[in-house]
Amino acid sequence: MSLKSKITEDIKLALKAGDKSRLKALRLAAAEIKQVEIDQRKDLDDSAIIDILNKMVKQRRDSIEQFQAGAREDLADIEIAEIAVIQTYLPEELSDEEIEHLIDEALKVTKAEHMRDMGKVMGLIKSKAQGRANMTIVSIKVKERLNT
C-alpha cells in the first residue's frame, strides 16, 4: 500500500473514530500532497511524499519555537500533536551512533579535512540520511568534525 493510500485510509478511520486532532493533521498532509501533485502535474511516489512530510515536520518545529518564545504553549501543543501524527508515516530516525558512523564514512570517502569540503560531505550524507535524520543537526556535527 502506498503512503498516499495509507494516509487516505487513515483519514477515513480517524473520521469514523471521531479523532479530531489526528483527522486534522492527516487532512493537512493529504492537502499538501495534493497541492504538490497539482503543481507538478504528476502523481507522487513514496519518496516525494516523505519529503513533503519531512518539510511539514520542519515547519511545525519552527512554529513550536516561535510559539514557545511568544509564551503560547497552547498553540505549541497543537503543533507537537501534529508532528506526532505525521512522524508515524516517516521512516525511523537514525540514532546518534548511526549518524556518527555516516559522518565517519563520508569523511573517509571524500577525504574531507577542511570546511571547504563541507558540501561534498553533506551531499554524500544527505543521500543516505534524507528523511531519517535532522539534517540541521547533522550539518552542525559535520562542522564540528571539520573544525577540529
N, C-alpha and C. Protein backbone atom coordinates (compact mmCIF):
# COMPACT_ATOMS: atom_id res chain seq x y z
N MET A 1 0.84 -1.17 0.00
CA MET A 1 0.00 0.00 0.00
C MET A 1 0.89 1.24 0.00
N SER A 2 0.61 2.15 -0.90
CA SER A 2 1.42 3.35 -0.97
C SER A 2 1.14 4.25 0.23
N LEU A 3 2.06 5.15 0.47
CA LEU A 3 1.94 6.07 1.60
C LEU A 3 0.71 6.96 1.44
N LYS A 4 0.47 7.41 0.23
CA LYS A 4 -0.69 8.26 -0.03
C LYS A 4 -1.99 7.50 0.26
N SER A 5 -2.06 6.26 -0.15
CA SER A 5 -3.24 5.43 0.11
C SER A 5 -3.43 5.19 1.60
N LYS A 6 -2.32 4.99 2.30
CA LYS A 6 -2.39 4.75 3.74
C LYS A 6 -2.91 5.99 4.45
N ILE A 7 -2.46 7.17 4.05
CA ILE A 7 -2.93 8.41 4.67
C ILE A 7 -4.42 8.58 4.40
N THR A 8 -4.84 8.32 3.17
CA THR A 8 -6.27 8.43 2.82
C THR A 8 -7.10 7.46 3.64
N GLU A 9 -6.63 6.25 3.78
CA GLU A 9 -7.34 5.23 4.57
C GLU A 9 -7.41 5.64 6.04
N ASP A 10 -6.30 6.19 6.56
CA ASP A 10 -6.27 6.60 7.96
C ASP A 10 -7.16 7.82 8.21
N ILE A 11 -7.37 8.66 7.20
CA ILE A 11 -8.32 9.76 7.33
C ILE A 11 -9.71 9.21 7.57
N LYS A 12 -10.08 8.18 6.81
CA LYS A 12 -11.40 7.56 6.97
C LYS A 12 -11.54 6.95 8.36
N LEU A 13 -10.49 6.28 8.83
CA LEU A 13 -10.53 5.66 10.15
C LEU A 13 -10.63 6.71 11.26
N ALA A 14 -9.88 7.81 11.13
CA ALA A 14 -9.93 8.88 12.13
C ALA A 14 -11.30 9.55 12.14
N LEU A 15 -11.89 9.68 10.97
CA LEU A 15 -13.22 10.25 10.85
C LEU A 15 -14.25 9.37 11.57
N LYS A 16 -14.17 8.07 11.33
CA LYS A 16 -15.10 7.15 11.98
C LYS A 16 -14.89 7.11 13.49
N ALA A 17 -13.63 7.20 13.91
CA ALA A 17 -13.32 7.13 15.34
C ALA A 17 -13.59 8.45 16.06
N GLY A 18 -13.77 9.52 15.30
CA GLY A 18 -14.02 10.83 15.91
C GLY A 18 -12.77 11.46 16.50
N ASP A 19 -11.60 11.06 16.01
CA ASP A 19 -10.32 11.58 16.49
C ASP A 19 -10.01 12.87 15.72
N LYS A 20 -10.48 13.99 16.26
CA LYS A 20 -10.41 15.26 15.53
C LYS A 20 -8.98 15.76 15.32
N SER A 21 -8.12 15.62 16.32
CA SER A 21 -6.75 16.13 16.16
C SER A 21 -5.98 15.32 15.12
N ARG A 22 -6.14 13.99 15.15
CA ARG A 22 -5.48 13.15 14.16
C ARG A 22 -6.05 13.42 12.76
N LEU A 23 -7.35 13.58 12.68
CA LEU A 23 -8.02 13.86 11.42
C LEU A 23 -7.50 15.17 10.82
N LYS A 24 -7.36 16.19 11.66
CA LYS A 24 -6.87 17.49 11.18
C LYS A 24 -5.46 17.36 10.60
N ALA A 25 -4.58 16.68 11.31
CA ALA A 25 -3.19 16.53 10.85
C ALA A 25 -3.13 15.73 9.55
N LEU A 26 -3.93 14.68 9.46
CA LEU A 26 -3.94 13.86 8.25
C LEU A 26 -4.51 14.62 7.06
N ARG A 27 -5.54 15.41 7.30
CA ARG A 27 -6.10 16.21 6.21
C ARG A 27 -5.11 17.26 5.73
N LEU A 28 -4.36 17.85 6.66
CA LEU A 28 -3.32 18.81 6.26
C LEU A 28 -2.27 18.13 5.38
N ALA A 29 -1.86 16.93 5.77
CA ALA A 29 -0.87 16.19 5.00
C ALA A 29 -1.42 15.84 3.62
N ALA A 30 -2.66 15.36 3.57
CA ALA A 30 -3.27 14.99 2.29
C ALA A 30 -3.41 16.22 1.38
N ALA A 31 -3.78 17.35 1.97
CA ALA A 31 -3.93 18.58 1.19
C ALA A 31 -2.59 19.04 0.63
N GLU A 32 -1.54 18.94 1.43
CA GLU A 32 -0.20 19.33 0.97
C GLU A 32 0.26 18.42 -0.16
N ILE A 33 0.03 17.13 -0.02
CA ILE A 33 0.40 16.17 -1.07
C ILE A 33 -0.36 16.49 -2.35
N LYS A 34 -1.66 16.71 -2.22
CA LYS A 34 -2.50 17.01 -3.39
C LYS A 34 -2.04 18.30 -4.07
N GLN A 35 -1.69 19.31 -3.28
CA GLN A 35 -1.24 20.58 -3.84
C GLN A 35 0.03 20.40 -4.66
N VAL A 36 0.98 19.63 -4.14
CA VAL A 36 2.23 19.39 -4.87
C VAL A 36 1.95 18.60 -6.14
N GLU A 37 1.04 17.62 -6.06
CA GLU A 37 0.69 16.86 -7.25
C GLU A 37 0.07 17.75 -8.32
N ILE A 38 -0.77 18.67 -7.91
CA ILE A 38 -1.38 19.60 -8.86
C ILE A 38 -0.33 20.52 -9.45
N ASP A 39 0.54 21.05 -8.61
CA ASP A 39 1.59 21.96 -9.08
C ASP A 39 2.53 21.29 -10.06
N GLN A 40 2.87 20.04 -9.77
CA GLN A 40 3.83 19.32 -10.63
C GLN A 40 3.16 18.51 -11.73
N ARG A 41 1.85 18.44 -11.68
CA ARG A 41 1.05 17.70 -12.67
C ARG A 41 1.49 16.24 -12.81
N LYS A 42 1.70 15.60 -11.67
CA LYS A 42 2.04 14.18 -11.69
C LYS A 42 1.72 13.56 -10.33
N ASP A 43 1.54 12.24 -10.33
CA ASP A 43 1.35 11.52 -9.07
C ASP A 43 2.70 11.36 -8.40
N LEU A 44 2.72 11.55 -7.09
CA LEU A 44 3.97 11.47 -6.34
C LEU A 44 4.21 10.05 -5.85
N ASP A 45 5.49 9.67 -5.83
CA ASP A 45 5.85 8.38 -5.27
C ASP A 45 6.10 8.55 -3.77
N ASP A 46 6.37 7.44 -3.09
CA ASP A 46 6.53 7.49 -1.64
C ASP A 46 7.70 8.37 -1.19
N SER A 47 8.79 8.38 -1.94
CA SER A 47 9.93 9.21 -1.53
C SER A 47 9.60 10.70 -1.61
N ALA A 48 8.83 11.10 -2.61
CA ALA A 48 8.41 12.51 -2.71
C ALA A 48 7.45 12.85 -1.58
N ILE A 49 6.59 11.92 -1.22
CA ILE A 49 5.65 12.15 -0.12
C ILE A 49 6.40 12.25 1.20
N ILE A 50 7.43 11.44 1.37
CA ILE A 50 8.26 11.51 2.58
C ILE A 50 8.93 12.88 2.67
N ASP A 51 9.40 13.40 1.54
CA ASP A 51 10.00 14.74 1.52
C ASP A 51 8.99 15.79 1.97
N ILE A 52 7.75 15.68 1.50
CA ILE A 52 6.69 16.62 1.88
C ILE A 52 6.42 16.52 3.38
N LEU A 53 6.33 15.30 3.88
CA LEU A 53 6.05 15.11 5.31
C LEU A 53 7.20 15.63 6.17
N ASN A 54 8.43 15.44 5.72
CA ASN A 54 9.59 15.99 6.43
C ASN A 54 9.53 17.51 6.47
N LYS A 55 9.14 18.10 5.36
CA LYS A 55 9.01 19.56 5.29
C LYS A 55 7.94 20.03 6.28
N MET A 56 6.84 19.30 6.35
CA MET A 56 5.77 19.66 7.27
C MET A 56 6.24 19.58 8.72
N VAL A 57 7.03 18.55 9.05
CA VAL A 57 7.55 18.41 10.41
C VAL A 57 8.49 19.57 10.72
N LYS A 58 9.35 19.92 9.77
CA LYS A 58 10.28 21.02 9.98
C LYS A 58 9.53 22.34 10.20
N GLN A 59 8.50 22.58 9.41
CA GLN A 59 7.70 23.79 9.57
C GLN A 59 7.07 23.83 10.97
N ARG A 60 6.59 22.70 11.43
CA ARG A 60 5.96 22.66 12.74
C ARG A 60 6.98 22.86 13.86
N ARG A 61 8.17 22.33 13.68
CA ARG A 61 9.22 22.56 14.70
C ARG A 61 9.57 24.04 14.78
N ASP A 62 9.64 24.70 13.62
CA ASP A 62 9.90 26.14 13.61
C ASP A 62 8.76 26.89 14.31
N SER A 63 7.53 26.47 14.05
CA SER A 63 6.38 27.12 14.68
C SER A 63 6.40 26.92 16.18
N ILE A 64 6.79 25.73 16.62
CA ILE A 64 6.85 25.45 18.06
C ILE A 64 7.81 26.42 18.74
N GLU A 65 8.98 26.62 18.12
CA GLU A 65 9.95 27.57 18.68
C GLU A 65 9.35 28.96 18.80
N GLN A 66 8.66 29.40 17.76
CA GLN A 66 8.05 30.72 17.76
C GLN A 66 6.95 30.82 18.82
N PHE A 67 6.13 29.81 18.90
CA PHE A 67 5.04 29.83 19.88
C PHE A 67 5.57 29.82 21.31
N GLN A 68 6.61 29.03 21.54
CA GLN A 68 7.18 28.98 22.89
C GLN A 68 7.86 30.30 23.24
N ALA A 69 8.49 30.93 22.26
CA ALA A 69 9.10 32.24 22.51
C ALA A 69 8.04 33.28 22.83
N GLY A 70 6.86 33.13 22.26
CA GLY A 70 5.77 34.05 22.50
C GLY A 70 4.86 33.62 23.63
N ALA A 71 5.28 32.61 24.41
CA ALA A 71 4.53 32.10 25.55
C ALA A 71 3.14 31.61 25.15
N ARG A 72 3.07 30.94 24.01
CA ARG A 72 1.80 30.37 23.55
C ARG A 72 1.91 28.84 23.54
N GLU A 73 2.00 28.28 24.73
CA GLU A 73 2.15 26.83 24.87
C GLU A 73 0.96 26.07 24.30
N ASP A 74 -0.23 26.68 24.33
CA ASP A 74 -1.42 26.02 23.80
C ASP A 74 -1.25 25.74 22.30
N LEU A 75 -0.72 26.72 21.57
CA LEU A 75 -0.50 26.53 20.14
C LEU A 75 0.67 25.59 19.87
N ALA A 76 1.68 25.66 20.72
CA ALA A 76 2.83 24.76 20.58
C ALA A 76 2.39 23.31 20.77
N ASP A 77 1.48 23.08 21.71
CA ASP A 77 1.00 21.71 21.97
C ASP A 77 0.26 21.16 20.75
N ILE A 78 -0.48 22.00 20.05
CA ILE A 78 -1.17 21.56 18.83
C ILE A 78 -0.16 21.13 17.77
N GLU A 79 0.89 21.92 17.61
CA GLU A 79 1.93 21.60 16.63
C GLU A 79 2.65 20.30 17.01
N ILE A 80 2.89 20.11 18.30
CA ILE A 80 3.56 18.89 18.77
C ILE A 80 2.70 17.67 18.45
N ALA A 81 1.39 17.80 18.66
CA ALA A 81 0.48 16.69 18.36
C ALA A 81 0.47 16.39 16.86
N GLU A 82 0.53 17.43 16.02
CA GLU A 82 0.56 17.22 14.57
C GLU A 82 1.84 16.52 14.15
N ILE A 83 2.96 16.90 14.76
CA ILE A 83 4.24 16.24 14.46
C ILE A 83 4.16 14.76 14.80
N ALA A 84 3.57 14.44 15.93
CA ALA A 84 3.46 13.04 16.35
C ALA A 84 2.68 12.22 15.32
N VAL A 85 1.61 12.79 14.77
CA VAL A 85 0.82 12.09 13.76
C VAL A 85 1.62 11.93 12.47
N ILE A 86 2.24 13.01 12.02
CA ILE A 86 2.97 12.98 10.75
C ILE A 86 4.15 12.01 10.81
N GLN A 87 4.82 11.97 11.95
CA GLN A 87 6.01 11.12 12.07
C GLN A 87 5.70 9.64 11.99
N THR A 88 4.45 9.25 12.20
CA THR A 88 4.10 7.84 12.09
C THR A 88 4.22 7.35 10.65
N TYR A 89 4.26 8.27 9.69
CA TYR A 89 4.37 7.91 8.27
C TYR A 89 5.79 8.06 7.74
N LEU A 90 6.70 8.49 8.58
CA LEU A 90 8.09 8.68 8.17
C LEU A 90 8.93 7.48 8.57
N PRO A 91 10.03 7.24 7.86
CA PRO A 91 10.94 6.15 8.25
C PRO A 91 11.53 6.43 9.63
N GLU A 92 11.99 5.38 10.27
CA GLU A 92 12.57 5.50 11.60
C GLU A 92 13.80 6.40 11.59
N GLU A 93 13.89 7.26 12.60
CA GLU A 93 15.03 8.19 12.73
C GLU A 93 16.32 7.40 12.99
N LEU A 94 17.42 7.92 12.49
CA LEU A 94 18.72 7.33 12.75
C LEU A 94 19.16 7.67 14.17
N SER A 95 19.85 6.75 14.81
CA SER A 95 20.38 7.01 16.15
C SER A 95 21.63 7.89 16.02
N ASP A 96 22.08 8.44 17.16
CA ASP A 96 23.29 9.26 17.15
C ASP A 96 24.50 8.46 16.66
N GLU A 97 24.56 7.19 17.05
CA GLU A 97 25.68 6.34 16.64
C GLU A 97 25.66 6.13 15.12
N GLU A 98 24.46 5.92 14.58
CA GLU A 98 24.35 5.73 13.13
C GLU A 98 24.73 7.00 12.38
N ILE A 99 24.34 8.14 12.91
CA ILE A 99 24.70 9.42 12.29
C ILE A 99 26.21 9.61 12.32
N GLU A 100 26.82 9.33 13.46
CA GLU A 100 28.27 9.45 13.58
C GLU A 100 28.98 8.51 12.60
N HIS A 101 28.45 7.32 12.46
CA HIS A 101 29.02 6.36 11.51
C HIS A 101 28.93 6.89 10.08
N LEU A 102 27.77 7.46 9.72
CA LEU A 102 27.62 8.05 8.37
C LEU A 102 28.61 9.18 8.15
N ILE A 103 28.80 10.01 9.17
CA ILE A 103 29.75 11.12 9.06
C ILE A 103 31.16 10.58 8.88
N ASP A 104 31.54 9.59 9.69
CA ASP A 104 32.87 8.98 9.55
C ASP A 104 33.08 8.44 8.14
N GLU A 105 32.10 7.72 7.67
CA GLU A 105 32.18 7.12 6.34
C GLU A 105 32.30 8.20 5.25
N ALA A 106 31.51 9.25 5.36
CA ALA A 106 31.54 10.33 4.36
C ALA A 106 32.87 11.06 4.40
N LEU A 107 33.42 11.27 5.59
CA LEU A 107 34.72 11.94 5.70
C LEU A 107 35.82 11.10 5.06
N LYS A 108 35.75 9.78 5.23
CA LYS A 108 36.76 8.90 4.62
C LYS A 108 36.64 8.89 3.10
N VAL A 109 35.41 8.74 2.61
CA VAL A 109 35.18 8.64 1.17
C VAL A 109 35.60 9.94 0.46
N THR A 110 35.23 11.08 1.04
CA THR A 110 35.53 12.36 0.39
C THR A 110 36.92 12.89 0.74
N LYS A 111 37.56 12.25 1.71
CA LYS A 111 38.87 12.71 2.20
C LYS A 111 38.81 14.17 2.63
N ALA A 112 37.70 14.54 3.25
CA ALA A 112 37.48 15.92 3.68
C ALA A 112 38.32 16.24 4.91
N GLU A 113 38.93 17.43 4.89
CA GLU A 113 39.73 17.87 6.02
C GLU A 113 39.42 19.32 6.40
N HIS A 114 38.81 20.07 5.51
CA HIS A 114 38.57 21.50 5.74
C HIS A 114 37.10 21.83 5.52
N MET A 115 36.72 23.01 5.97
CA MET A 115 35.34 23.46 5.82
C MET A 115 34.94 23.56 4.35
N ARG A 116 35.88 23.81 3.48
CA ARG A 116 35.53 23.93 2.05
C ARG A 116 35.04 22.60 1.47
N ASP A 117 35.27 21.50 2.20
CA ASP A 117 34.82 20.18 1.77
C ASP A 117 33.43 19.84 2.31
N MET A 118 32.83 20.77 3.02
CA MET A 118 31.54 20.53 3.68
C MET A 118 30.47 20.10 2.69
N GLY A 119 30.39 20.72 1.54
CA GLY A 119 29.37 20.40 0.55
C GLY A 119 29.45 18.96 0.07
N LYS A 120 30.67 18.49 -0.17
CA LYS A 120 30.85 17.11 -0.61
C LYS A 120 30.38 16.12 0.46
N VAL A 121 30.76 16.41 1.70
CA VAL A 121 30.40 15.53 2.81
C VAL A 121 28.89 15.51 3.01
N MET A 122 28.28 16.68 3.04
CA MET A 122 26.84 16.77 3.27
C MET A 122 26.06 16.13 2.11
N GLY A 123 26.55 16.28 0.90
CA GLY A 123 25.88 15.67 -0.25
C GLY A 123 25.84 14.15 -0.13
N LEU A 124 26.93 13.58 0.31
CA LEU A 124 27.01 12.13 0.49
C LEU A 124 26.10 11.66 1.63
N ILE A 125 26.14 12.40 2.73
CA ILE A 125 25.31 12.03 3.89
C ILE A 125 23.83 12.19 3.57
N LYS A 126 23.50 13.27 2.88
CA LYS A 126 22.10 13.55 2.58
C LYS A 126 21.46 12.43 1.78
N SER A 127 22.22 11.87 0.84
CA SER A 127 21.67 10.79 0.03
C SER A 127 21.32 9.56 0.86
N LYS A 128 22.02 9.37 1.98
CA LYS A 128 21.79 8.19 2.82
C LYS A 128 20.87 8.46 4.01
N ALA A 129 20.80 9.71 4.45
CA ALA A 129 20.07 10.01 5.68
C ALA A 129 18.83 10.86 5.46
N GLN A 130 18.56 11.26 4.24
CA GLN A 130 17.41 12.13 3.98
C GLN A 130 16.12 11.49 4.49
N GLY A 131 15.41 12.23 5.29
CA GLY A 131 14.15 11.75 5.83
C GLY A 131 14.30 10.91 7.08
N ARG A 132 15.53 10.59 7.43
CA ARG A 132 15.76 9.75 8.61
C ARG A 132 16.58 10.45 9.67
N ALA A 133 17.01 11.68 9.38
CA ALA A 133 17.79 12.45 10.34
C ALA A 133 17.53 13.93 10.10
N ASN A 134 17.63 14.69 11.18
CA ASN A 134 17.51 16.14 11.07
C ASN A 134 18.81 16.65 10.47
N MET A 135 18.74 17.10 9.22
CA MET A 135 19.95 17.48 8.50
C MET A 135 20.63 18.71 9.11
N THR A 136 19.89 19.53 9.84
CA THR A 136 20.49 20.68 10.52
C THR A 136 21.45 20.19 11.59
N ILE A 137 21.04 19.19 12.35
CA ILE A 137 21.88 18.63 13.41
C ILE A 137 23.08 17.92 12.78
N VAL A 138 22.85 17.20 11.70
CA VAL A 138 23.95 16.53 11.00
C VAL A 138 24.97 17.55 10.53
N SER A 139 24.49 18.66 9.98
CA SER A 139 25.37 19.72 9.49
C SER A 139 26.22 20.28 10.63
N ILE A 140 25.62 20.50 11.77
CA ILE A 140 26.37 21.02 12.93
C ILE A 140 27.46 20.03 13.33
N LYS A 141 27.13 18.74 13.34
CA LYS A 141 28.11 17.73 13.71
C LYS A 141 29.26 17.66 12.71
N VAL A 142 28.93 17.78 11.42
CA VAL A 142 29.98 17.75 10.39
C VAL A 142 30.89 18.98 10.55
N LYS A 143 30.31 20.14 10.80
CA LYS A 143 31.12 21.36 11.02
C LYS A 143 32.08 21.19 12.19
N GLU A 144 31.58 20.60 13.26
CA GLU A 144 32.43 20.36 14.44
C GLU A 144 33.60 19.47 14.07
N ARG A 145 33.31 18.42 13.30
CA ARG A 145 34.36 17.47 12.92
C ARG A 145 35.38 18.11 11.98
N LEU A 146 34.92 18.97 11.07
CA LEU A 146 35.84 19.59 10.12
C LEU A 146 36.65 20.72 10.76
N ASN A 147 36.16 21.29 11.84
CA ASN A 147 36.88 22.37 12.50
C ASN A 147 37.95 21.87 13.46
N THR A 148 37.91 20.58 13.79
CA THR A 148 38.89 20.07 14.76
C THR A 148 40.12 19.52 14.09
